[in-house]
Amino acid sequence: MLQVIRPKLLEAGFKLVAEQHLEVTDDVSIIEAMHEPVQITKGSYTNIKVRAKDSVPMSVGLALSCHLLDDRCVPRNTHTPTCLAA
């Protein structure tokens, strides 16, 4: 499952964190500090988080082979396929 946050809400959250010197662990904890709900949506196995250098080769491989893995993917050009959300 994926968390969904409106960009403007997250932007306001980052401002609040800076102003109040809050300690947060991730984007969801920022929204929770604002007492706002976090929305959850169904995700895809190809929607991965890149947390470290070791994740980069896998994410590049997924991006380049995207059209083979998911029929929602449309090539933007010959070098960078784009996966469209469901």
Protein backbone atom coordinates (compact mmCIF):
# COMPACT_ATOMS: atom_id res chain seq x y z
CA MET A 1 0.00 0.00 0.00
CA LEU A 2 1.10 3.54 -0.72
CA GLN A 3 0.50 6.69 1.29
CA VAL A 4 -0.93 9.57 -0.71
CA ILE A 5 -0.25 13.17 0.33
CA ARG A 6 -1.27 16.33 -1.49
CA PRO A 7 1.90 18.27 -2.46
CA LYS A 8 0.61 21.56 -1.00
CA LEU A 9 -0.13 19.84 2.31
CA LEU A 10 3.36 18.32 2.40
CA GLU A 11 4.87 21.71 1.56
CA ALA A 12 2.99 23.27 4.49
CA GLY A 13 4.20 20.39 6.65
CA PHE A 14 7.86 21.00 5.80
CA LYS A 15 7.36 24.66 6.71
CA LEU A 16 5.82 23.67 10.06
CA VAL A 17 8.69 21.27 10.79
CA ALA A 18 11.23 24.02 10.10
CA GLU A 19 9.39 26.68 12.11
CA GLN A 20 8.74 24.47 15.15
CA HIS A 21 11.97 22.44 14.90
CA LEU A 22 9.97 19.21 14.94
CA GLU A 23 11.67 15.83 14.77
CA VAL A 24 10.02 13.66 12.13
CA THR A 25 10.99 10.36 10.54
CA ASP A 26 9.34 10.62 7.13
CA ASP A 27 6.71 12.44 5.08
CA VAL A 28 3.84 10.65 6.80
CA SER A 29 5.04 11.69 10.26
CA ILE A 30 5.04 15.30 9.01
CA ILE A 31 1.38 15.02 8.04
CA GLU A 32 0.54 13.30 11.33
CA ALA A 33 2.24 16.17 13.21
CA MET A 34 -0.22 18.48 11.44
CA HIS A 35 -3.13 16.31 12.68
CA GLU A 36 -4.12 15.63 9.07
CA PRO A 37 -5.24 12.23 7.76
CA VAL A 38 -2.98 10.17 5.52
CA GLN A 39 -4.65 8.50 2.56
CA ILE A 40 -3.69 4.98 1.50
CA THR A 41 -4.05 3.57 -1.99
CA LYS A 42 -3.30 0.32 -3.75
CA GLY A 43 0.21 0.22 -5.17
CA SER A 44 2.30 -1.81 -7.58
CA TYR A 45 5.33 -4.03 -7.07
CA THR A 46 7.19 -1.89 -9.61
CA ASN A 47 6.69 1.24 -7.47
CA ILE A 48 9.73 0.88 -5.25
CA LYS A 49 11.50 3.22 -2.84
CA VAL A 50 15.15 3.91 -3.54
CA ARG A 51 16.71 4.01 -0.08
CA ALA A 52 20.36 3.32 -0.81
CA LYS A 53 22.89 3.05 -3.65
CA ASP A 54 22.20 -0.68 -3.81
CA SER A 55 18.61 0.07 -4.88
CA VAL A 56 19.62 2.15 -7.91
CA PRO A 57 20.50 -0.68 -10.33
CA MET A 58 17.21 -2.42 -9.62
CA SER A 59 15.20 0.79 -10.05
CA VAL A 60 16.97 1.60 -13.32
CA GLY A 61 16.33 -1.94 -14.55
CA LEU A 62 12.64 -1.64 -13.68
CA ALA A 63 12.37 1.72 -15.39
CA LEU A 64 14.04 0.49 -18.57
CA SER A 65 12.00 -2.70 -18.72
CA CYS A 66 8.79 -1.06 -17.52
CA HIS A 67 6.89 -1.77 -20.72
CA LEU A 68 7.54 -5.50 -20.25
CA LEU A 69 6.30 -5.53 -16.66
CA ASP A 70 3.18 -3.40 -16.70
CA ASP A 71 0.77 -2.58 -19.51
CA ARG A 72 0.13 0.85 -17.93
CA CYS A 73 3.62 1.96 -18.96
CA VAL A 74 4.01 4.22 -21.97
CA PRO A 75 7.43 5.10 -23.44
CA ARG A 76 8.02 8.85 -23.19
CA ASN A 77 10.94 8.44 -25.59
CA THR A 78 13.35 5.64 -26.43
CA HIS A 79 15.42 6.19 -23.27
CA THR A 80 12.93 6.86 -20.46
CA PRO A 81 9.72 4.85 -20.18
CA THR A 82 7.07 6.31 -17.91
CA CYS A 83 4.78 4.24 -15.70
CA LEU A 84 1.32 5.69 -15.30
CA ALA A 85 -0.55 5.27 -12.02
CA ALA A 86 -3.65 3.13 -12.04
